[in-house]
Amino acid sequence: MKLCPTCGKYFCESSDKTLWTCFFEHVREGKCQGEILREPFSKLTTAFTAQQHRALYEFVCCDSDGLGNPLPKEVCLNLGLAVAYSNDVIPEYNNDVLIARNLSNRARRARLQKLRRSARRFGVSPPASPKPESTRLARHKSSTIHLVTGALVVRHWTGSWHYRQQIEMLSIMGLSKGEDFVSDRVEFLLGTNQALFEKIESWARAISGHGRKPR
């Protein structure tokens, strides 16, 4: 359990009980608007107000789907949170994931020590140290989860991935990455945590079915 940096109340951070952390739900529901997302949103607003990135402004705020509908607010929210996590404003991993990793590492070290003692006793070569499970840990990375969430909302809302626009938004908000950054994150999560990917996709599909107004 940790404290919300805006209102000071406790909220749950389990990555197993819900699709996202309660922190995401807390911000999405408007209970706490701000401090975490103030800087990335301010940068995006400033760029749009100064008429920079005019095409991006039209896409985000005016006509994302060819029917005169702006992007759902969930896209900017998730990309803004991805920036905050990536810039270490919020920890990338929930405590339950880190605790599980530490317990797993401790058990692995204990098994390895036992095998080494047996190897010495029988005069054989000790086993090689296993590589850390970085991929297992990375699939719980909060920034990746929010990047994929934003990308899937864009995909189901507009009918296309529009990765270039997402990269441009991230860059304005403070996270400059290569042109394949978002698509790589989408493919990574699909390949390492398909169950979570499908839950996010179901949620994104539901978002696309609500709120759109035909021209």
N, C-alpha and C. Protein backbone atom coordinates (compact mmCIF):
# COMPACT_ATOMS: atom_id res chain seq x y z
N MET A 1 0.84 -1.20 0.00
CA MET A 1 0.00 0.00 0.00
C MET A 1 0.87 1.25 0.00
N LYS A 2 0.48 2.25 -0.77
CA LYS A 2 1.19 3.52 -0.81
C LYS A 2 0.20 4.65 -0.79
N LEU A 3 0.72 5.85 -0.68
CA LEU A 3 -0.12 7.03 -0.64
C LEU A 3 -0.22 7.68 -2.01
N CYS A 4 -1.41 8.12 -2.38
CA CYS A 4 -1.58 8.91 -3.58
C CYS A 4 -0.86 10.24 -3.37
N PRO A 5 0.02 10.65 -4.28
CA PRO A 5 0.80 11.87 -4.08
C PRO A 5 -0.04 13.14 -4.10
N THR A 6 -1.27 13.04 -4.61
CA THR A 6 -2.11 14.24 -4.69
C THR A 6 -3.00 14.41 -3.48
N CYS A 7 -3.79 13.35 -3.14
CA CYS A 7 -4.74 13.50 -2.04
C CYS A 7 -4.23 12.91 -0.74
N GLY A 8 -3.15 12.12 -0.78
CA GLY A 8 -2.58 11.57 0.44
C GLY A 8 -3.27 10.33 0.96
N LYS A 9 -4.26 9.80 0.23
CA LYS A 9 -4.96 8.60 0.70
C LYS A 9 -4.28 7.34 0.18
N TYR A 10 -4.49 6.23 0.90
CA TYR A 10 -3.91 4.97 0.47
C TYR A 10 -4.66 4.39 -0.71
N PHE A 11 -3.96 3.72 -1.59
CA PHE A 11 -4.61 2.96 -2.65
C PHE A 11 -3.80 1.71 -2.93
N CYS A 12 -4.51 0.66 -3.38
CA CYS A 12 -3.88 -0.63 -3.61
C CYS A 12 -3.06 -0.61 -4.89
N GLU A 13 -2.00 -1.43 -4.93
CA GLU A 13 -1.16 -1.45 -6.12
C GLU A 13 -0.96 -2.86 -6.68
N SER A 14 -1.84 -3.80 -6.33
CA SER A 14 -1.65 -5.17 -6.78
C SER A 14 -1.79 -5.28 -8.29
N SER A 15 -0.85 -5.97 -8.91
CA SER A 15 -0.92 -6.18 -10.37
C SER A 15 -1.68 -7.46 -10.69
N ASP A 16 -2.10 -8.21 -9.67
CA ASP A 16 -2.78 -9.47 -9.91
C ASP A 16 -4.30 -9.35 -9.78
N LYS A 17 -4.77 -8.47 -8.92
CA LYS A 17 -6.20 -8.42 -8.61
C LYS A 17 -7.01 -7.69 -9.67
N THR A 18 -6.42 -6.72 -10.33
CA THR A 18 -7.15 -5.94 -11.32
C THR A 18 -6.31 -5.79 -12.58
N LEU A 19 -6.95 -5.24 -13.62
CA LEU A 19 -6.23 -5.04 -14.88
C LEU A 19 -5.12 -4.02 -14.71
N TRP A 20 -5.42 -2.90 -14.06
CA TRP A 20 -4.41 -1.90 -13.78
C TRP A 20 -4.32 -1.68 -12.28
N THR A 21 -3.35 -0.93 -11.88
CA THR A 21 -3.27 -0.56 -10.47
C THR A 21 -4.42 0.37 -10.12
N CYS A 22 -4.75 0.43 -8.84
CA CYS A 22 -5.79 1.35 -8.40
C CYS A 22 -5.37 2.79 -8.68
N PHE A 23 -4.07 3.03 -8.79
CA PHE A 23 -3.62 4.39 -9.08
C PHE A 23 -4.16 4.85 -10.43
N PHE A 24 -4.13 3.97 -11.42
CA PHE A 24 -4.67 4.33 -12.73
C PHE A 24 -6.16 4.65 -12.63
N GLU A 25 -6.91 3.79 -11.92
CA GLU A 25 -8.34 4.02 -11.77
C GLU A 25 -8.59 5.32 -11.01
N HIS A 26 -7.74 5.57 -10.02
CA HIS A 26 -7.86 6.79 -9.21
C HIS A 26 -7.77 8.04 -10.08
N VAL A 27 -6.80 8.07 -10.96
CA VAL A 27 -6.60 9.23 -11.83
C VAL A 27 -7.67 9.29 -12.91
N ARG A 28 -7.99 8.12 -13.50
CA ARG A 28 -8.96 8.09 -14.60
C ARG A 28 -10.34 8.58 -14.16
N GLU A 29 -10.72 8.26 -12.93
CA GLU A 29 -12.03 8.66 -12.43
C GLU A 29 -12.08 10.12 -12.00
N GLY A 30 -10.94 10.80 -12.07
CA GLY A 30 -10.93 12.22 -11.75
C GLY A 30 -10.86 12.53 -10.27
N LYS A 31 -10.56 11.53 -9.44
CA LYS A 31 -10.46 11.77 -8.00
C LYS A 31 -9.22 12.61 -7.71
N CYS A 32 -8.19 12.40 -8.49
CA CYS A 32 -6.96 13.17 -8.32
C CYS A 32 -6.47 13.56 -9.70
N GLN A 33 -6.56 14.83 -10.03
CA GLN A 33 -6.12 15.27 -11.34
C GLN A 33 -4.82 15.99 -11.16
N GLY A 34 -3.94 15.55 -11.22
CA GLY A 34 -2.88 16.29 -11.43
C GLY A 34 -1.49 16.29 -11.27
N GLU A 35 -0.94 16.20 -10.09
CA GLU A 35 0.49 16.49 -9.97
C GLU A 35 1.33 15.57 -10.85
N ILE A 36 0.96 14.32 -10.89
CA ILE A 36 1.74 13.35 -11.67
C ILE A 36 1.70 13.68 -13.16
N LEU A 37 0.53 14.09 -13.64
CA LEU A 37 0.36 14.33 -15.07
C LEU A 37 0.45 15.80 -15.46
N ARG A 38 0.64 16.67 -14.49
CA ARG A 38 0.64 18.10 -14.78
C ARG A 38 1.71 18.46 -15.82
N GLU A 39 2.92 17.98 -15.64
CA GLU A 39 4.00 18.36 -16.56
C GLU A 39 3.81 17.82 -17.97
N PRO A 40 3.56 16.51 -18.17
CA PRO A 40 3.37 16.04 -19.55
C PRO A 40 2.17 16.67 -20.24
N PHE A 41 1.06 16.85 -19.52
CA PHE A 41 -0.12 17.46 -20.13
C PHE A 41 0.11 18.93 -20.44
N SER A 42 0.85 19.60 -19.57
CA SER A 42 1.15 21.02 -19.79
C SER A 42 1.99 21.19 -21.05
N LYS A 43 2.95 20.30 -21.27
CA LYS A 43 3.79 20.38 -22.46
C LYS A 43 2.95 20.16 -23.72
N LEU A 44 2.02 19.21 -23.66
CA LEU A 44 1.18 18.94 -24.82
C LEU A 44 0.26 20.13 -25.10
N THR A 45 -0.34 20.68 -24.05
CA THR A 45 -1.23 21.84 -24.22
C THR A 45 -0.48 23.04 -24.78
N THR A 46 0.74 23.28 -24.27
CA THR A 46 1.54 24.40 -24.74
C THR A 46 1.86 24.27 -26.21
N ALA A 47 2.23 23.05 -26.63
CA ALA A 47 2.55 22.82 -28.04
C ALA A 47 1.33 23.06 -28.93
N PHE A 48 0.16 22.65 -28.47
CA PHE A 48 -1.06 22.84 -29.25
C PHE A 48 -1.48 24.31 -29.26
N THR A 49 -1.38 24.99 -28.13
CA THR A 49 -1.78 26.39 -28.04
C THR A 49 -0.89 27.27 -28.92
N ALA A 50 0.38 26.93 -28.99
CA ALA A 50 1.32 27.70 -29.82
C ALA A 50 1.22 27.32 -31.30
N GLN A 51 0.22 26.48 -31.61
CA GLN A 51 -0.01 26.02 -32.98
C GLN A 51 1.17 25.26 -33.56
N GLN A 52 1.96 24.69 -32.65
CA GLN A 52 2.96 23.73 -33.09
C GLN A 52 2.26 22.38 -33.28
N HIS A 53 2.81 21.54 -34.13
CA HIS A 53 2.26 20.21 -34.34
C HIS A 53 0.78 20.28 -34.73
N ARG A 54 0.49 21.11 -35.74
CA ARG A 54 -0.90 21.37 -36.11
C ARG A 54 -1.63 20.09 -36.52
N ALA A 55 -0.96 19.25 -37.31
CA ALA A 55 -1.61 18.01 -37.76
C ALA A 55 -1.93 17.10 -36.57
N LEU A 56 -1.01 17.06 -35.60
CA LEU A 56 -1.24 16.24 -34.41
C LEU A 56 -2.42 16.79 -33.61
N TYR A 57 -2.49 18.12 -33.51
CA TYR A 57 -3.61 18.75 -32.80
C TYR A 57 -4.94 18.35 -33.44
N GLU A 58 -5.00 18.39 -34.75
CA GLU A 58 -6.23 18.02 -35.44
C GLU A 58 -6.60 16.57 -35.14
N PHE A 59 -5.59 15.71 -35.13
CA PHE A 59 -5.82 14.29 -34.87
C PHE A 59 -6.30 14.06 -33.44
N VAL A 60 -5.64 14.68 -32.47
CA VAL A 60 -5.96 14.44 -31.06
C VAL A 60 -7.25 15.12 -30.65
N CYS A 61 -7.44 16.36 -31.07
CA CYS A 61 -8.52 17.18 -30.52
C CYS A 61 -9.73 17.36 -31.42
N CYS A 62 -9.58 17.06 -32.71
CA CYS A 62 -10.67 17.40 -33.65
C CYS A 62 -11.22 16.21 -34.42
N ASP A 63 -10.34 15.44 -35.06
CA ASP A 63 -10.84 14.41 -35.96
C ASP A 63 -9.87 13.24 -36.00
N SER A 64 -10.02 12.34 -35.05
CA SER A 64 -9.11 11.19 -34.97
C SER A 64 -9.56 10.02 -35.84
N ASP A 65 -10.87 9.97 -36.12
CA ASP A 65 -11.43 8.78 -36.76
C ASP A 65 -12.08 9.03 -38.11
N GLY A 66 -11.94 10.25 -38.65
CA GLY A 66 -12.59 10.57 -39.92
C GLY A 66 -14.06 10.90 -39.78
N LEU A 67 -14.56 10.90 -38.55
CA LEU A 67 -15.97 11.22 -38.29
C LEU A 67 -16.12 12.48 -37.44
N GLY A 68 -15.02 13.18 -37.27
CA GLY A 68 -15.07 14.42 -36.49
C GLY A 68 -15.01 14.22 -34.99
N ASN A 69 -14.51 13.06 -34.54
CA ASN A 69 -14.40 12.78 -33.12
C ASN A 69 -12.96 12.90 -32.64
N PRO A 70 -12.72 13.58 -31.51
CA PRO A 70 -11.36 13.61 -30.95
C PRO A 70 -11.00 12.25 -30.37
N LEU A 71 -9.73 12.08 -30.07
CA LEU A 71 -9.30 10.85 -29.41
C LEU A 71 -9.95 10.75 -28.03
N PRO A 72 -10.26 9.54 -27.57
CA PRO A 72 -10.74 9.39 -26.20
C PRO A 72 -9.68 9.88 -25.21
N LYS A 73 -10.12 10.45 -24.11
CA LYS A 73 -9.19 10.98 -23.11
C LYS A 73 -8.26 9.90 -22.56
N GLU A 74 -8.70 8.62 -22.66
CA GLU A 74 -7.88 7.52 -22.13
C GLU A 74 -6.55 7.40 -22.84
N VAL A 75 -6.46 7.87 -24.10
CA VAL A 75 -5.18 7.78 -24.83
C VAL A 75 -4.15 8.70 -24.18
N CYS A 76 -4.49 9.99 -24.03
CA CYS A 76 -3.54 10.93 -23.42
C CYS A 76 -3.22 10.54 -21.99
N LEU A 77 -4.23 10.04 -21.26
CA LEU A 77 -4.00 9.63 -19.88
C LEU A 77 -2.97 8.52 -19.80
N ASN A 78 -3.13 7.48 -20.64
CA ASN A 78 -2.20 6.36 -20.59
C ASN A 78 -0.82 6.73 -21.08
N LEU A 79 -0.74 7.54 -22.13
CA LEU A 79 0.58 7.96 -22.61
C LEU A 79 1.26 8.87 -21.59
N GLY A 80 0.48 9.74 -20.94
CA GLY A 80 1.06 10.59 -19.89
C GLY A 80 1.59 9.78 -18.73
N LEU A 81 0.84 8.75 -18.32
CA LEU A 81 1.31 7.89 -17.24
C LEU A 81 2.56 7.10 -17.66
N ALA A 82 2.60 6.67 -18.92
CA ALA A 82 3.79 5.97 -19.42
C ALA A 82 5.02 6.86 -19.33
N VAL A 83 4.85 8.15 -19.65
CA VAL A 83 5.95 9.11 -19.52
C VAL A 83 6.38 9.23 -18.07
N ALA A 84 5.41 9.35 -17.17
CA ALA A 84 5.73 9.50 -15.74
C ALA A 84 6.47 8.28 -15.21
N TYR A 85 6.01 7.08 -15.58
CA TYR A 85 6.70 5.86 -15.13
C TYR A 85 8.10 5.78 -15.73
N SER A 86 8.21 6.05 -17.03
CA SER A 86 9.51 5.94 -17.70
C SER A 86 10.53 6.94 -17.16
N ASN A 87 10.06 8.09 -16.71
CA ASN A 87 10.96 9.13 -16.17
C ASN A 87 11.15 9.02 -14.67
N ASP A 88 10.73 7.87 -14.10
CA ASP A 88 10.94 7.58 -12.67
C ASP A 88 10.20 8.54 -11.75
N VAL A 89 9.14 9.17 -12.24
CA VAL A 89 8.29 9.98 -11.37
C VAL A 89 7.49 9.04 -10.46
N ILE A 90 7.11 7.88 -11.00
CA ILE A 90 6.44 6.82 -10.25
C ILE A 90 7.25 5.54 -10.47
N PRO A 91 7.37 4.67 -9.46
CA PRO A 91 8.11 3.42 -9.64
C PRO A 91 7.51 2.55 -10.74
N GLU A 92 8.37 1.95 -11.55
CA GLU A 92 7.92 1.14 -12.68
C GLU A 92 7.20 -0.15 -12.26
N TYR A 93 7.59 -0.71 -11.11
CA TYR A 93 7.03 -2.00 -10.71
C TYR A 93 6.29 -1.88 -9.40
N ASN A 94 5.19 -2.63 -9.28
CA ASN A 94 4.46 -2.69 -8.03
C ASN A 94 5.22 -3.55 -7.02
N ASN A 95 4.97 -3.30 -5.76
CA ASN A 95 5.69 -4.02 -4.72
C ASN A 95 5.47 -5.53 -4.79
N ASP A 96 4.26 -5.97 -5.16
CA ASP A 96 4.01 -7.42 -5.18
C ASP A 96 4.87 -8.11 -6.24
N VAL A 97 5.14 -7.43 -7.35
CA VAL A 97 5.99 -8.00 -8.39
C VAL A 97 7.43 -8.10 -7.88
N LEU A 98 7.91 -7.04 -7.23
CA LEU A 98 9.28 -7.04 -6.73
C LEU A 98 9.47 -8.06 -5.62
N ILE A 99 8.47 -8.20 -4.74
CA ILE A 99 8.55 -9.18 -3.67
C ILE A 99 8.61 -10.59 -4.25
N ALA A 100 7.75 -10.86 -5.25
CA ALA A 100 7.77 -12.18 -5.89
C ALA A 100 9.12 -12.44 -6.56
N ARG A 101 9.69 -11.40 -7.19
CA ARG A 101 11.01 -11.55 -7.82
C ARG A 101 12.08 -11.88 -6.78
N ASN A 102 12.04 -11.19 -5.64
CA ASN A 102 13.05 -11.41 -4.61
C ASN A 102 12.92 -12.81 -4.00
N LEU A 103 11.68 -13.27 -3.79
CA LEU A 103 11.47 -14.61 -3.26
C LEU A 103 11.96 -15.66 -4.25
N SER A 104 11.68 -15.42 -5.54
CA SER A 104 12.12 -16.35 -6.57
C SER A 104 13.63 -16.41 -6.64
N ASN A 105 14.28 -15.25 -6.57
CA ASN A 105 15.75 -15.20 -6.61
C ASN A 105 16.36 -15.91 -5.40
N ARG A 106 15.71 -15.70 -4.23
CA ARG A 106 16.23 -16.34 -3.01
C ARG A 106 16.12 -17.85 -3.12
N ALA A 107 15.00 -18.35 -3.62
CA ALA A 107 14.82 -19.79 -3.78
C ALA A 107 15.80 -20.34 -4.81
N ARG A 108 16.04 -19.58 -5.89
CA ARG A 108 16.96 -20.01 -6.93
C ARG A 108 18.39 -20.09 -6.39
N ARG A 109 18.77 -19.09 -5.58
CA ARG A 109 20.12 -19.11 -4.99
C ARG A 109 20.28 -20.29 -4.04
N ALA A 110 19.23 -20.59 -3.28
CA ALA A 110 19.30 -21.72 -2.34
C ALA A 110 19.47 -23.04 -3.09
N ARG A 111 18.72 -23.20 -4.20
CA ARG A 111 18.85 -24.43 -5.00
C ARG A 111 20.24 -24.54 -5.60
N LEU A 112 20.77 -23.39 -6.08
CA LEU A 112 22.09 -23.40 -6.70
C LEU A 112 23.17 -23.75 -5.68
N GLN A 113 23.06 -23.21 -4.47
CA GLN A 113 24.03 -23.54 -3.42
C GLN A 113 23.99 -25.02 -3.08
N LYS A 114 22.79 -25.58 -3.04
CA LYS A 114 22.65 -27.01 -2.76
C LYS A 114 23.30 -27.85 -3.86
N LEU A 115 23.08 -27.46 -5.11
CA LEU A 115 23.68 -28.20 -6.23
C LEU A 115 25.20 -28.08 -6.22
N ARG A 116 25.72 -26.92 -5.85
CA ARG A 116 27.18 -26.73 -5.80
C ARG A 116 27.80 -27.58 -4.71
N ARG A 117 27.13 -27.66 -3.56
CA ARG A 117 27.65 -28.51 -2.48
C ARG A 117 27.67 -29.97 -2.91
N SER A 118 26.61 -30.40 -3.62
CA SER A 118 26.57 -31.77 -4.11
C SER A 118 27.67 -32.02 -5.14
N ALA A 119 27.91 -31.01 -6.01
CA ALA A 119 28.95 -31.15 -7.03
C ALA A 119 30.32 -31.31 -6.39
N ARG A 120 30.59 -30.49 -5.35
CA ARG A 120 31.88 -30.61 -4.66
C ARG A 120 32.03 -31.99 -4.01
N ARG A 121 30.92 -32.47 -3.45
CA ARG A 121 30.97 -33.76 -2.75
C ARG A 121 31.28 -34.89 -3.71
N PHE A 122 30.77 -34.80 -4.94
CA PHE A 122 30.97 -35.88 -5.91
C PHE A 122 32.10 -35.58 -6.89
N GLY A 123 32.77 -34.41 -6.72
CA GLY A 123 33.91 -34.10 -7.55
C GLY A 123 33.58 -33.78 -9.00
N VAL A 124 32.42 -33.18 -9.25
CA VAL A 124 32.04 -32.82 -10.61
C VAL A 124 31.96 -31.30 -10.71
N SER A 125 31.84 -30.82 -11.95
CA SER A 125 31.78 -29.37 -12.16
C SER A 125 30.46 -28.81 -11.63
N PRO A 126 30.50 -27.65 -10.95
CA PRO A 126 29.27 -27.04 -10.43
C PRO A 126 28.41 -26.51 -11.57
N PRO A 127 27.12 -26.43 -11.40
CA PRO A 127 26.24 -25.91 -12.46
C PRO A 127 26.47 -24.42 -12.67
N ALA A 128 26.20 -23.96 -13.87
CA ALA A 128 26.34 -22.54 -14.18
C ALA A 128 25.22 -21.75 -13.50
N SER A 129 25.54 -20.52 -13.16
CA SER A 129 24.52 -19.65 -12.53
C SER A 129 23.45 -19.32 -13.55
N PRO A 130 22.17 -19.45 -13.18
CA PRO A 130 21.10 -19.12 -14.13
C PRO A 130 21.02 -17.62 -14.37
N LYS A 131 20.55 -17.26 -15.55
CA LYS A 131 20.40 -15.85 -15.86
C LYS A 131 19.18 -15.28 -15.13
N PRO A 132 19.25 -14.02 -14.70
CA PRO A 132 18.09 -13.42 -14.04
C PRO A 132 16.88 -13.37 -14.97
N GLU A 133 15.68 -13.47 -14.37
CA GLU A 133 14.45 -13.51 -15.16
C GLU A 133 13.99 -12.10 -15.51
N SER A 134 14.81 -11.40 -16.30
CA SER A 134 14.49 -10.01 -16.62
C SER A 134 13.24 -9.88 -17.48
N THR A 135 13.03 -10.85 -18.39
CA THR A 135 11.85 -10.80 -19.25
C THR A 135 10.59 -10.98 -18.43
N ARG A 136 10.61 -11.91 -17.46
CA ARG A 136 9.44 -12.13 -16.62
C ARG A 136 9.09 -10.86 -15.85
N LEU A 137 10.12 -10.20 -15.35
CA LEU A 137 9.88 -8.96 -14.60
C LEU A 137 9.41 -7.85 -15.53
N ALA A 138 10.01 -7.76 -16.70
CA ALA A 138 9.69 -6.66 -17.62
C ALA A 138 8.25 -6.69 -18.10
N ARG A 139 7.63 -7.85 -18.14
CA ARG A 139 6.25 -7.90 -18.64
C ARG A 139 5.27 -7.26 -17.66
N HIS A 140 5.72 -6.96 -16.45
CA HIS A 140 4.89 -6.25 -15.47
C HIS A 140 5.24 -4.77 -15.40
N LYS A 141 6.06 -4.30 -16.32
CA LYS A 141 6.52 -2.92 -16.29
C LYS A 141 5.35 -1.97 -16.56
N SER A 142 5.12 -1.04 -15.64
CA SER A 142 3.94 -0.18 -15.73
C SER A 142 3.93 0.68 -16.98
N SER A 143 5.09 1.22 -17.37
CA SER A 143 5.12 2.08 -18.56
C SER A 143 4.71 1.30 -19.80
N THR A 144 5.15 0.04 -19.91
CA THR A 144 4.78 -0.79 -21.05
C THR A 144 3.28 -1.04 -21.06
N ILE A 145 2.71 -1.35 -19.91
CA ILE A 145 1.28 -1.62 -19.82
C ILE A 145 0.47 -0.41 -20.26
N HIS A 146 0.89 0.79 -19.85
CA HIS A 146 0.14 1.99 -20.22
C HIS A 146 0.37 2.37 -21.68
N LEU A 147 1.58 2.14 -22.20
CA LEU A 147 1.82 2.38 -23.63
C LEU A 147 0.92 1.49 -24.48
N VAL A 148 0.85 0.22 -24.13
CA VAL A 148 0.02 -0.72 -24.88
C VAL A 148 -1.45 -0.36 -24.76
N THR A 149 -1.87 0.06 -23.57
CA THR A 149 -3.26 0.46 -23.38
C THR A 149 -3.62 1.63 -24.29
N GLY A 150 -2.77 2.66 -24.29
CA GLY A 150 -3.03 3.80 -25.16
C GLY A 150 -3.06 3.41 -26.62
N ALA A 151 -2.12 2.55 -27.03
CA ALA A 151 -2.04 2.13 -28.42
C ALA A 151 -3.28 1.33 -28.84
N LEU A 152 -3.77 0.47 -27.95
CA LEU A 152 -4.94 -0.33 -28.30
C LEU A 152 -6.21 0.50 -28.35
N VAL A 153 -6.31 1.52 -27.52
CA VAL A 153 -7.46 2.42 -27.62
C VAL A 153 -7.43 3.13 -28.97
N VAL A 154 -6.24 3.61 -29.37
CA VAL A 154 -6.11 4.25 -30.69
C VAL A 154 -6.52 3.28 -31.79
N ARG A 155 -6.03 2.06 -31.71
CA ARG A 155 -6.31 1.05 -32.74
C ARG A 155 -7.81 0.78 -32.88
N HIS A 156 -8.48 0.57 -31.77
CA HIS A 156 -9.90 0.23 -31.85
C HIS A 156 -10.78 1.45 -32.10
N TRP A 157 -10.31 2.62 -31.71
CA TRP A 157 -11.10 3.84 -31.93
C TRP A 157 -11.03 4.31 -33.37
N THR A 158 -9.83 4.24 -33.95
CA THR A 158 -9.62 4.81 -35.29
C THR A 158 -9.57 3.77 -36.39
N GLY A 159 -9.33 2.50 -36.04
CA GLY A 159 -9.16 1.47 -37.05
C GLY A 159 -7.73 1.33 -37.54
N SER A 160 -6.82 2.12 -36.97
CA SER A 160 -5.40 2.06 -37.36
C SER A 160 -4.54 2.31 -36.12
N TRP A 161 -3.27 1.89 -36.17
CA TRP A 161 -2.41 2.04 -35.00
C TRP A 161 -1.94 3.49 -34.80
N HIS A 162 -1.70 4.21 -35.87
CA HIS A 162 -1.22 5.60 -35.77
C HIS A 162 -0.02 5.71 -34.81
N TYR A 163 0.96 4.85 -35.00
CA TYR A 163 2.14 4.86 -34.12
C TYR A 163 2.91 6.17 -34.22
N ARG A 164 2.98 6.75 -35.42
CA ARG A 164 3.74 8.00 -35.58
C ARG A 164 3.18 9.09 -34.68
N GLN A 165 1.87 9.22 -34.64
CA GLN A 165 1.26 10.25 -33.80
C GLN A 165 1.50 9.98 -32.32
N GLN A 166 1.50 8.71 -31.93
CA GLN A 166 1.75 8.38 -30.53
C GLN A 166 3.19 8.72 -30.14
N ILE A 167 4.12 8.42 -31.03
CA ILE A 167 5.53 8.76 -30.77
C ILE A 167 5.69 10.27 -30.65
N GLU A 168 4.98 11.02 -31.50
CA GLU A 168 5.05 12.48 -31.45
C GLU A 168 4.49 13.00 -30.14
N MET A 169 3.38 12.44 -29.69
CA MET A 169 2.80 12.84 -28.41
C MET A 169 3.75 12.55 -27.25
N LEU A 170 4.33 11.37 -27.26
CA LEU A 170 5.28 11.00 -26.20
C LEU A 170 6.47 11.95 -26.17
N SER A 171 6.99 12.28 -27.36
CA SER A 171 8.13 13.18 -27.44
C SER A 171 7.80 14.55 -26.86
N ILE A 172 6.63 15.09 -27.19
CA ILE A 172 6.22 16.39 -26.65
C ILE A 172 6.09 16.31 -25.13
N MET A 173 5.55 15.21 -24.63
CA MET A 173 5.31 15.07 -23.19
C MET A 173 6.56 14.74 -22.39
N GLY A 174 7.66 14.46 -23.08
CA GLY A 174 8.91 14.27 -22.36
C GLY A 174 9.56 12.91 -22.46
N LEU A 175 9.16 12.11 -23.45
CA LEU A 175 9.77 10.79 -23.63
C LEU A 175 10.11 10.61 -25.10
N SER A 176 11.35 10.89 -25.46
CA SER A 176 11.78 10.80 -26.86
C SER A 176 12.33 9.41 -27.15
N LYS A 177 11.69 8.71 -28.09
CA LYS A 177 12.08 7.35 -28.44
C LYS A 177 12.05 7.19 -29.95
N GLY A 178 12.58 6.06 -30.42
CA GLY A 178 12.60 5.77 -31.84
C GLY A 178 11.21 5.48 -32.38
N GLU A 179 11.10 5.44 -33.70
CA GLU A 179 9.79 5.31 -34.34
C GLU A 179 9.11 3.98 -34.09
N ASP A 180 9.88 2.95 -33.71
CA ASP A 180 9.31 1.62 -33.46
C ASP A 180 9.06 1.36 -31.97
N PHE A 181 9.24 2.36 -31.13
CA PHE A 181 9.18 2.14 -29.69
C PHE A 181 7.82 1.60 -29.25
N VAL A 182 6.73 2.23 -29.65
CA VAL A 182 5.40 1.79 -29.20
C VAL A 182 5.05 0.44 -29.80
N SER A 183 5.30 0.27 -31.10
CA SER A 183 4.97 -1.01 -31.74
C SER A 183 5.78 -2.15 -31.11
N ASP A 184 7.02 -1.89 -30.74
CA ASP A 184 7.84 -2.92 -30.08
C ASP A 184 7.25 -3.30 -28.73
N ARG A 185 6.74 -2.30 -27.99
CA ARG A 185 6.13 -2.58 -26.69
C ARG A 185 4.85 -3.40 -26.85
N VAL A 186 4.08 -3.10 -27.89
CA VAL A 186 2.85 -3.85 -28.15
C VAL A 186 3.19 -5.31 -28.43
N GLU A 187 4.16 -5.54 -29.31
CA GLU A 187 4.55 -6.90 -29.67
C GLU A 187 5.17 -7.63 -28.47
N PHE A 188 5.93 -6.91 -27.65
CA PHE A 188 6.56 -7.53 -26.49
C PHE A 188 5.50 -8.02 -25.49
N LEU A 189 4.53 -7.16 -25.16
CA LEU A 189 3.53 -7.57 -24.17
C LEU A 189 2.66 -8.70 -24.71
N LEU A 190 2.34 -8.66 -26.00
CA LEU A 190 1.56 -9.74 -26.60
C LEU A 190 2.30 -11.06 -26.50
N GLY A 191 3.63 -11.01 -26.67
CA GLY A 191 4.42 -12.24 -26.64
C GLY A 191 4.76 -12.75 -25.26
N THR A 192 4.75 -11.88 -24.23
CA THR A 192 5.18 -12.30 -22.90
C THR A 192 4.06 -12.35 -21.86
N ASN A 193 2.96 -11.65 -22.12
CA ASN A 193 1.86 -11.62 -21.16
C ASN A 193 0.55 -11.51 -21.94
N GLN A 194 0.24 -12.58 -22.67
CA GLN A 194 -0.91 -12.53 -23.58
C GLN A 194 -2.23 -12.33 -22.83
N ALA A 195 -2.35 -12.92 -21.64
CA ALA A 195 -3.58 -12.79 -20.87
C ALA A 195 -3.86 -11.33 -20.54
N LEU A 196 -2.83 -10.61 -20.10
CA LEU A 196 -3.01 -9.19 -19.80
C LEU A 196 -3.29 -8.40 -21.07
N PHE A 197 -2.58 -8.73 -22.15
CA PHE A 197 -2.80 -8.04 -23.43
C PHE A 197 -4.26 -8.17 -23.85
N GLU A 198 -4.82 -9.36 -23.73
CA GLU A 198 -6.20 -9.58 -24.15
C GLU A 198 -7.19 -8.83 -23.26
N LYS A 199 -6.89 -8.71 -21.98
CA LYS A 199 -7.75 -7.93 -21.08
C LYS A 199 -7.74 -6.46 -21.48
N ILE A 200 -6.54 -5.95 -21.76
CA ILE A 200 -6.44 -4.55 -22.19
C ILE A 200 -7.19 -4.34 -23.50
N GLU A 201 -7.02 -5.28 -24.44
CA GLU A 201 -7.69 -5.15 -25.72
C GLU A 201 -9.20 -5.15 -25.57
N SER A 202 -9.72 -6.01 -24.69
CA SER A 202 -11.16 -6.04 -24.45
C SER A 202 -11.66 -4.71 -23.90
N TRP A 203 -10.89 -4.15 -22.98
CA TRP A 203 -11.25 -2.84 -22.41
C TRP A 203 -11.20 -1.75 -23.48
N ALA A 204 -10.16 -1.77 -24.30
CA ALA A 204 -10.02 -0.77 -25.37
C ALA A 204 -11.15 -0.89 -26.38
N ARG A 205 -11.56 -2.11 -26.67
CA ARG A 205 -12.66 -2.31 -27.60
C ARG A 205 -13.97 -1.74 -27.04
N ALA A 206 -14.15 -1.90 -25.72
CA ALA A 206 -15.35 -1.36 -25.08
C ALA A 206 -15.34 0.17 -25.12
N ILE A 207 -14.16 0.76 -24.92
CA ILE A 207 -14.05 2.23 -25.01
C ILE A 207 -14.47 2.71 -26.40
N SER A 208 -14.05 1.96 -27.43
CA SER A 208 -14.34 2.38 -28.80
C SER A 208 -15.83 2.30 -29.12
N GLY A 209 -16.56 1.51 -28.34
CA GLY A 209 -17.98 1.38 -28.59
C GLY A 209 -18.83 2.41 -27.88
N HIS A 210 -18.20 3.28 -27.12
CA HIS A 210 -18.94 4.30 -26.37
C HIS A 210 -18.39 5.69 -26.69
N GLY A 211 -19.26 6.65 -26.73
CA GLY A 211 -18.82 8.04 -26.80
C GLY A 211 -18.61 8.59 -28.18
N ARG A 212 -18.50 7.74 -29.21
CA ARG A 212 -18.28 8.27 -30.56
C ARG A 212 -19.58 8.84 -31.12
N LYS A 213 -19.51 10.02 -31.65
CA LYS A 213 -20.69 10.65 -32.24
C LYS A 213 -20.51 10.73 -33.76
N PRO A 214 -21.42 10.12 -34.53
CA PRO A 214 -21.29 10.19 -35.99
C PRO A 214 -21.47 11.62 -36.49
N ARG A 215 -20.74 11.96 -37.52
CA ARG A 215 -20.81 13.31 -38.08
C ARG A 215 -22.15 13.53 -38.78
